[in-house]
Amino acid sequence: MEQRIFARLTGALDPTALDVVDESDRHAGHAGARPGGGTHYRVRIVSARFERRSRVERHRLVYDLLAAEFADGLHALALVAKAPGEP
């Protein structure tokens, strides 16, 4: 799942920085968790595609790009989406 997320976001958003971290082990026993992980991720992405977009628009774009992954068991995404030059 981590590789799928990385590939999908890289292909669509051409990021200058992208970190995808599987945090599923921290959510064992919580809603959406399953044995073997692959359900909870933290993503930090910097892309020029986010310029002049609101935080909601940025998140919506990423969630739309990952629709197949959510359908396949991705349950939660902690997301930081920035444009280049933003702190």
N, C-alpha and C. Protein backbone atom coordinates (compact mmCIF):
# COMPACT_ATOMS: atom_id res chain seq x y z
N MET A 1 0.84 -1.19 0.00
CA MET A 1 0.00 0.00 0.00
C MET A 1 0.88 1.26 0.00
N GLU A 2 1.96 1.21 0.77
CA GLU A 2 2.85 2.37 0.83
C GLU A 2 3.40 2.70 -0.56
N GLN A 3 3.81 1.68 -1.28
CA GLN A 3 4.34 1.89 -2.63
C GLN A 3 3.27 2.40 -3.58
N ARG A 4 2.05 1.91 -3.43
CA ARG A 4 0.95 2.38 -4.27
C ARG A 4 0.68 3.86 -4.03
N ILE A 5 0.63 4.26 -2.76
CA ILE A 5 0.40 5.67 -2.43
C ILE A 5 1.50 6.53 -3.01
N PHE A 6 2.75 6.11 -2.80
CA PHE A 6 3.89 6.87 -3.30
C PHE A 6 3.82 7.01 -4.83
N ALA A 7 3.56 5.91 -5.51
CA ALA A 7 3.51 5.93 -6.98
C ALA A 7 2.37 6.79 -7.50
N ARG A 8 1.21 6.66 -6.91
CA ARG A 8 0.04 7.42 -7.36
C ARG A 8 0.27 8.92 -7.19
N LEU A 9 0.76 9.33 -6.02
CA LEU A 9 0.97 10.76 -5.76
C LEU A 9 2.13 11.31 -6.59
N THR A 10 3.17 10.53 -6.76
CA THR A 10 4.30 10.96 -7.58
C THR A 10 3.87 11.16 -9.03
N GLY A 11 3.13 10.21 -9.56
CA GLY A 11 2.70 10.28 -10.95
C GLY A 11 1.76 11.43 -11.24
N ALA A 12 0.89 11.74 -10.30
CA ALA A 12 -0.13 12.76 -10.54
C ALA A 12 0.30 14.17 -10.12
N LEU A 13 1.17 14.28 -9.12
CA LEU A 13 1.45 15.59 -8.54
C LEU A 13 2.89 16.06 -8.71
N ASP A 14 3.76 15.21 -9.24
CA ASP A 14 5.16 15.57 -9.47
C ASP A 14 5.73 16.34 -8.27
N PRO A 15 5.72 15.73 -7.09
CA PRO A 15 6.13 16.46 -5.88
C PRO A 15 7.63 16.74 -5.83
N THR A 16 7.97 17.82 -5.15
CA THR A 16 9.38 18.11 -4.88
C THR A 16 9.81 17.42 -3.59
N ALA A 17 8.86 17.03 -2.76
CA ALA A 17 9.12 16.26 -1.55
C ALA A 17 7.90 15.39 -1.27
N LEU A 18 8.15 14.15 -0.86
CA LEU A 18 7.06 13.24 -0.54
C LEU A 18 7.55 12.22 0.48
N ASP A 19 6.87 12.19 1.62
CA ASP A 19 7.13 11.19 2.65
C ASP A 19 5.85 10.42 2.90
N VAL A 20 5.93 9.11 2.85
CA VAL A 20 4.80 8.24 3.12
C VAL A 20 5.23 7.28 4.23
N VAL A 21 4.57 7.36 5.38
CA VAL A 21 4.95 6.56 6.54
C VAL A 21 3.76 5.71 6.99
N ASP A 22 3.97 4.41 7.09
CA ASP A 22 2.95 3.49 7.57
C ASP A 22 2.90 3.56 9.10
N GLU A 23 1.79 4.04 9.63
CA GLU A 23 1.61 4.14 11.08
C GLU A 23 0.55 3.16 11.57
N SER A 24 0.30 2.13 10.79
CA SER A 24 -0.75 1.17 11.12
C SER A 24 -0.53 0.51 12.46
N ASP A 25 0.73 0.25 12.82
CA ASP A 25 1.02 -0.41 14.09
C ASP A 25 0.56 0.42 15.29
N ARG A 26 0.47 1.72 15.13
CA ARG A 26 0.01 2.60 16.21
C ARG A 26 -1.50 2.56 16.39
N HIS A 27 -2.20 1.92 15.47
CA HIS A 27 -3.66 1.93 15.48
C HIS A 27 -4.25 0.53 15.66
N ALA A 28 -3.45 -0.42 16.06
CA ALA A 28 -3.95 -1.78 16.28
C ALA A 28 -5.12 -1.73 17.26
N GLY A 29 -6.19 -2.40 16.91
CA GLY A 29 -7.37 -2.43 17.75
C GLY A 29 -8.34 -1.29 17.50
N HIS A 30 -7.96 -0.31 16.71
CA HIS A 30 -8.84 0.82 16.40
C HIS A 30 -9.68 0.51 15.16
N ALA A 31 -10.65 1.35 14.92
CA ALA A 31 -11.50 1.19 13.74
C ALA A 31 -10.66 1.21 12.48
N GLY A 32 -10.94 0.28 11.60
CA GLY A 32 -10.27 0.24 10.31
C GLY A 32 -8.95 -0.50 10.31
N ALA A 33 -8.39 -0.78 11.48
CA ALA A 33 -7.12 -1.51 11.56
C ALA A 33 -7.35 -2.96 11.20
N ARG A 34 -6.34 -3.56 10.59
CA ARG A 34 -6.44 -4.98 10.26
C ARG A 34 -5.07 -5.62 10.47
N PRO A 35 -5.05 -6.91 10.69
CA PRO A 35 -3.77 -7.59 10.87
C PRO A 35 -2.88 -7.39 9.64
N GLY A 36 -1.61 -7.14 9.89
CA GLY A 36 -0.68 -6.94 8.78
C GLY A 36 -0.51 -5.49 8.39
N GLY A 37 -1.33 -4.60 8.94
CA GLY A 37 -1.18 -3.17 8.68
C GLY A 37 -1.68 -2.74 7.32
N GLY A 38 -1.09 -1.65 6.82
CA GLY A 38 -1.48 -1.11 5.53
C GLY A 38 -2.76 -0.30 5.55
N THR A 39 -3.14 0.20 6.72
CA THR A 39 -4.42 0.90 6.83
C THR A 39 -4.30 2.36 7.22
N HIS A 40 -3.25 2.73 7.94
CA HIS A 40 -3.10 4.09 8.47
C HIS A 40 -1.74 4.66 8.05
N TYR A 41 -1.77 5.80 7.36
CA TYR A 41 -0.54 6.40 6.84
C TYR A 41 -0.46 7.88 7.18
N ARG A 42 0.77 8.35 7.28
CA ARG A 42 1.07 9.77 7.41
C ARG A 42 1.79 10.18 6.13
N VAL A 43 1.27 11.22 5.46
CA VAL A 43 1.84 11.69 4.20
C VAL A 43 2.16 13.17 4.31
N ARG A 44 3.37 13.52 3.92
CA ARG A 44 3.77 14.92 3.78
C ARG A 44 4.20 15.10 2.34
N ILE A 45 3.54 16.03 1.64
CA ILE A 45 3.81 16.22 0.22
C ILE A 45 3.92 17.71 -0.10
N VAL A 46 4.90 18.04 -0.94
CA VAL A 46 5.09 19.41 -1.42
C VAL A 46 5.00 19.34 -2.94
N SER A 47 4.08 20.11 -3.51
CA SER A 47 3.88 20.08 -4.95
C SER A 47 3.40 21.45 -5.45
N ALA A 48 3.88 21.84 -6.61
CA ALA A 48 3.42 23.08 -7.24
C ALA A 48 1.94 23.00 -7.59
N ARG A 49 1.39 21.80 -7.69
CA ARG A 49 -0.04 21.63 -7.99
C ARG A 49 -0.92 22.17 -6.87
N PHE A 50 -0.34 22.43 -5.71
CA PHE A 50 -1.12 22.95 -4.59
C PHE A 50 -1.13 24.48 -4.53
N GLU A 51 -0.36 25.13 -5.38
CA GLU A 51 -0.34 26.59 -5.36
C GLU A 51 -1.73 27.14 -5.65
N ARG A 52 -2.10 28.18 -4.92
CA ARG A 52 -3.39 28.86 -5.07
C ARG A 52 -4.59 27.93 -4.80
N ARG A 53 -4.38 26.87 -4.05
CA ARG A 53 -5.47 25.99 -3.63
C ARG A 53 -5.59 26.05 -2.12
N SER A 54 -6.80 25.98 -1.64
CA SER A 54 -7.02 25.97 -0.19
C SER A 54 -6.61 24.62 0.39
N ARG A 55 -6.52 24.59 1.69
CA ARG A 55 -6.18 23.33 2.37
C ARG A 55 -7.20 22.25 2.03
N VAL A 56 -8.46 22.60 2.02
CA VAL A 56 -9.52 21.64 1.69
C VAL A 56 -9.37 21.14 0.25
N GLU A 57 -9.09 22.03 -0.68
CA GLU A 57 -8.91 21.63 -2.07
C GLU A 57 -7.71 20.70 -2.23
N ARG A 58 -6.65 20.97 -1.51
CA ARG A 58 -5.46 20.12 -1.57
C ARG A 58 -5.77 18.73 -1.05
N HIS A 59 -6.44 18.66 0.09
CA HIS A 59 -6.78 17.37 0.68
C HIS A 59 -7.75 16.61 -0.22
N ARG A 60 -8.71 17.30 -0.76
CA ARG A 60 -9.68 16.66 -1.66
C ARG A 60 -8.96 16.06 -2.87
N LEU A 61 -8.01 16.79 -3.43
CA LEU A 61 -7.25 16.31 -4.58
C LEU A 61 -6.51 15.01 -4.23
N VAL A 62 -5.83 15.00 -3.09
CA VAL A 62 -5.08 13.80 -2.68
C VAL A 62 -6.04 12.64 -2.42
N TYR A 63 -7.11 12.89 -1.70
CA TYR A 63 -8.07 11.82 -1.41
C TYR A 63 -8.68 11.27 -2.70
N ASP A 64 -8.99 12.13 -3.65
CA ASP A 64 -9.53 11.66 -4.93
C ASP A 64 -8.52 10.79 -5.67
N LEU A 65 -7.25 11.18 -5.62
CA LEU A 65 -6.21 10.40 -6.28
C LEU A 65 -6.05 9.01 -5.65
N LEU A 66 -6.35 8.91 -4.36
CA LEU A 66 -6.17 7.65 -3.64
C LEU A 66 -7.48 6.87 -3.46
N ALA A 67 -8.47 7.15 -4.28
CA ALA A 67 -9.78 6.49 -4.14
C ALA A 67 -9.65 4.97 -4.22
N ALA A 68 -8.84 4.46 -5.13
CA ALA A 68 -8.68 3.01 -5.27
C ALA A 68 -8.02 2.41 -4.03
N GLU A 69 -7.09 3.13 -3.43
CA GLU A 69 -6.42 2.65 -2.23
C GLU A 69 -7.38 2.62 -1.04
N PHE A 70 -8.24 3.64 -0.93
CA PHE A 70 -9.25 3.63 0.13
C PHE A 70 -10.22 2.46 -0.08
N ALA A 71 -10.57 2.19 -1.31
CA ALA A 71 -11.46 1.06 -1.59
C ALA A 71 -10.79 -0.28 -1.29
N ASP A 72 -9.46 -0.29 -1.28
CA ASP A 72 -8.69 -1.51 -1.07
C ASP A 72 -8.21 -1.69 0.37
N GLY A 73 -8.64 -0.84 1.29
CA GLY A 73 -8.30 -1.06 2.69
C GLY A 73 -7.59 0.08 3.38
N LEU A 74 -7.13 1.09 2.65
CA LEU A 74 -6.58 2.28 3.30
C LEU A 74 -7.71 2.91 4.10
N HIS A 75 -7.46 3.13 5.39
CA HIS A 75 -8.53 3.60 6.26
C HIS A 75 -8.36 5.06 6.68
N ALA A 76 -7.12 5.46 6.95
CA ALA A 76 -6.89 6.81 7.47
C ALA A 76 -5.60 7.38 6.90
N LEU A 77 -5.64 8.69 6.66
CA LEU A 77 -4.50 9.39 6.10
C LEU A 77 -4.31 10.69 6.86
N ALA A 78 -3.16 10.82 7.56
CA ALA A 78 -2.78 12.08 8.19
C ALA A 78 -1.99 12.82 7.13
N LEU A 79 -2.50 13.96 6.66
CA LEU A 79 -1.97 14.59 5.47
C LEU A 79 -1.52 16.02 5.72
N VAL A 80 -0.30 16.31 5.26
CA VAL A 80 0.21 17.68 5.20
C VAL A 80 0.54 17.92 3.72
N ALA A 81 -0.15 18.87 3.10
CA ALA A 81 0.03 19.17 1.67
C ALA A 81 0.39 20.64 1.52
N LYS A 82 1.59 20.89 1.03
CA LYS A 82 2.10 22.26 0.92
C LYS A 82 2.53 22.55 -0.52
N ALA A 83 2.54 23.83 -0.86
CA ALA A 83 3.12 24.29 -2.11
C ALA A 83 4.58 24.63 -1.83
N PRO A 84 5.43 24.60 -2.84
CA PRO A 84 6.85 24.95 -2.63
C PRO A 84 6.98 26.33 -1.99
N GLY A 85 7.88 26.45 -1.03
CA GLY A 85 8.11 27.70 -0.35
C GLY A 85 7.25 27.93 0.87
N GLU A 86 6.23 27.12 1.07
CA GLU A 86 5.40 27.26 2.27
C GLU A 86 6.07 26.57 3.45
N PRO A 87 5.93 27.17 4.63
CA PRO A 87 6.55 26.56 5.82
C PRO A 87 5.87 25.26 6.23
